[in-house]
Amino acid sequence: MTHFTRTSIVVAAIALTGLAGCASTNKSESTGQYMDDTAITTKVKTAIFNDPALKSAEINVETFKGRVQLSGFVSSRASSDRAVAVAQGVSGVTSVANDMRLK
């Protein structure tokens, strides 16, 4: 093998190894997925804040691979149900886990 061919193979192997480090697993997510989840979280928070029935609610939003988890405190079961419905209406949300508590 020529020196150029050997060098090309080594560079390709290093590049593929580096890209494998960016892949997601069941418990972690790639950089792109993290950015998508951050955007989803922001959209859900904005939608909840802009809903007149939920403005005073203390709702926390976390997203992992499109799955949104709502936690915190709401004043009624209707507010809890409304927050879930609002979150489900946001594009990119695959499912919503309701961990909110009544205060």
Protein backbone atom coordinates (compact mmCIF):
# COMPACT_ATOMS: atom_id res chain seq x y z
CA MET A 1 0.00 0.00 0.00
CA THR A 2 1.15 3.48 -0.68
CA HIS A 3 1.61 6.00 2.06
CA PHE A 4 -1.37 8.01 0.75
CA THR A 5 -3.70 4.98 0.84
CA ARG A 6 -2.64 4.05 4.38
CA THR A 7 -3.13 7.63 5.57
CA SER A 8 -6.55 7.81 3.93
CA ILE A 9 -7.68 4.64 5.68
CA VAL A 10 -6.49 5.90 9.06
CA VAL A 11 -8.23 9.26 8.56
CA ALA A 12 -11.47 7.53 7.50
CA ALA A 13 -11.34 5.23 10.54
CA ILE A 14 -10.85 8.17 12.90
CA ALA A 15 -13.71 10.09 11.28
CA LEU A 16 -16.11 7.14 11.57
CA THR A 17 -15.13 6.60 15.20
CA GLY A 18 -15.79 10.26 15.93
CA LEU A 19 -19.21 10.14 14.28
CA ALA A 20 -20.17 7.04 16.25
CA GLY A 21 -19.68 9.09 19.42
CA CYS A 22 -22.50 11.41 18.30
CA ALA A 23 -25.04 8.60 17.88
CA SER A 24 -27.87 8.28 20.37
CA THR A 25 -28.62 5.38 22.69
CA ASN A 26 -31.66 4.50 24.81
CA LYS A 27 -30.39 6.65 27.69
CA SER A 28 -28.66 9.44 25.80
CA GLU A 29 -29.42 11.50 22.77
CA SER A 30 -27.40 12.95 19.94
CA THR A 31 -26.67 16.65 19.66
CA GLY A 32 -29.39 17.02 17.01
CA GLN A 33 -31.96 15.27 19.18
CA TYR A 34 -30.97 17.44 22.15
CA MET A 35 -31.53 20.56 20.06
CA ASP A 36 -34.90 19.22 18.85
CA ASP A 37 -35.93 18.46 22.44
CA THR A 38 -34.87 21.94 23.55
CA ALA A 39 -37.03 23.46 20.82
CA ILE A 40 -39.98 21.25 21.81
CA THR A 41 -39.58 22.22 25.48
CA THR A 42 -39.58 25.91 24.54
CA LYS A 43 -42.67 25.52 22.34
CA VAL A 44 -44.57 23.64 25.09
CA LYS A 45 -43.62 26.22 27.74
CA THR A 46 -44.72 29.04 25.44
CA ALA A 47 -48.01 27.32 24.62
CA ILE A 48 -48.74 26.73 28.31
CA PHE A 49 -47.82 30.31 29.21
CA ASN A 50 -50.02 31.72 26.45
CA ASP A 51 -53.05 29.67 27.53
CA PRO A 52 -55.23 31.93 29.73
CA ALA A 53 -56.39 29.03 31.91
CA LEU A 54 -52.80 28.02 32.75
CA LYS A 55 -51.02 31.34 33.27
CA SER A 56 -50.87 31.00 37.06
CA ALA A 57 -49.90 27.33 37.06
CA GLU A 58 -46.43 26.26 38.18
CA ILE A 59 -45.68 23.73 35.45
CA ASN A 60 -42.21 22.41 34.65
CA VAL A 61 -41.52 20.93 31.21
CA GLU A 62 -38.80 18.42 30.32
CA THR A 63 -38.36 16.65 26.99
CA PHE A 64 -36.39 13.54 26.02
CA LYS A 65 -36.60 12.20 22.46
CA GLY A 66 -39.94 13.91 21.88
CA ARG A 67 -41.49 12.62 25.12
CA VAL A 68 -42.65 15.54 27.25
CA GLN A 69 -42.90 15.28 31.03
CA LEU A 70 -45.05 17.83 32.83
CA SER A 71 -44.47 18.28 36.56
CA GLY A 72 -45.21 20.92 39.15
CA PHE A 73 -48.43 22.21 40.64
CA VAL A 74 -51.84 23.12 39.25
CA SER A 75 -54.98 24.32 41.01
CA SER A 76 -57.42 21.79 39.52
CA ARG A 77 -57.77 18.56 37.59
CA ALA A 78 -59.13 20.61 34.69
CA SER A 79 -55.91 22.65 34.59
CA SER A 80 -53.88 19.47 34.60
CA ASP A 81 -55.91 18.02 31.72
CA ARG A 82 -55.68 21.31 29.82
CA ALA A 83 -51.87 21.42 30.19
CA VAL A 84 -51.61 17.87 28.80
CA ALA A 85 -53.86 18.79 25.88
CA VAL A 86 -51.82 21.92 25.12
CA ALA A 87 -48.56 19.93 25.22
CA GLN A 88 -49.97 17.24 22.93
CA GLY A 89 -50.87 19.94 20.40
CA VAL A 90 -47.25 21.03 19.97
CA SER A 91 -45.50 19.67 16.88
CA GLY A 92 -42.74 17.19 17.63
CA VAL A 93 -44.33 15.89 20.83
CA THR A 94 -44.65 12.09 20.66
CA SER A 95 -46.18 11.55 24.11
CA VAL A 96 -46.91 13.44 27.33
CA ALA A 97 -46.35 12.16 30.88
CA ASN A 98 -48.44 13.94 33.49
CA ASP A 99 -46.63 14.17 36.82
CA MET A 100 -48.41 17.33 37.99
CA ARG A 101 -49.85 17.60 41.49
CA LEU A 102 -52.88 19.51 42.76
CA LYS A 103 -52.14 22.26 45.25
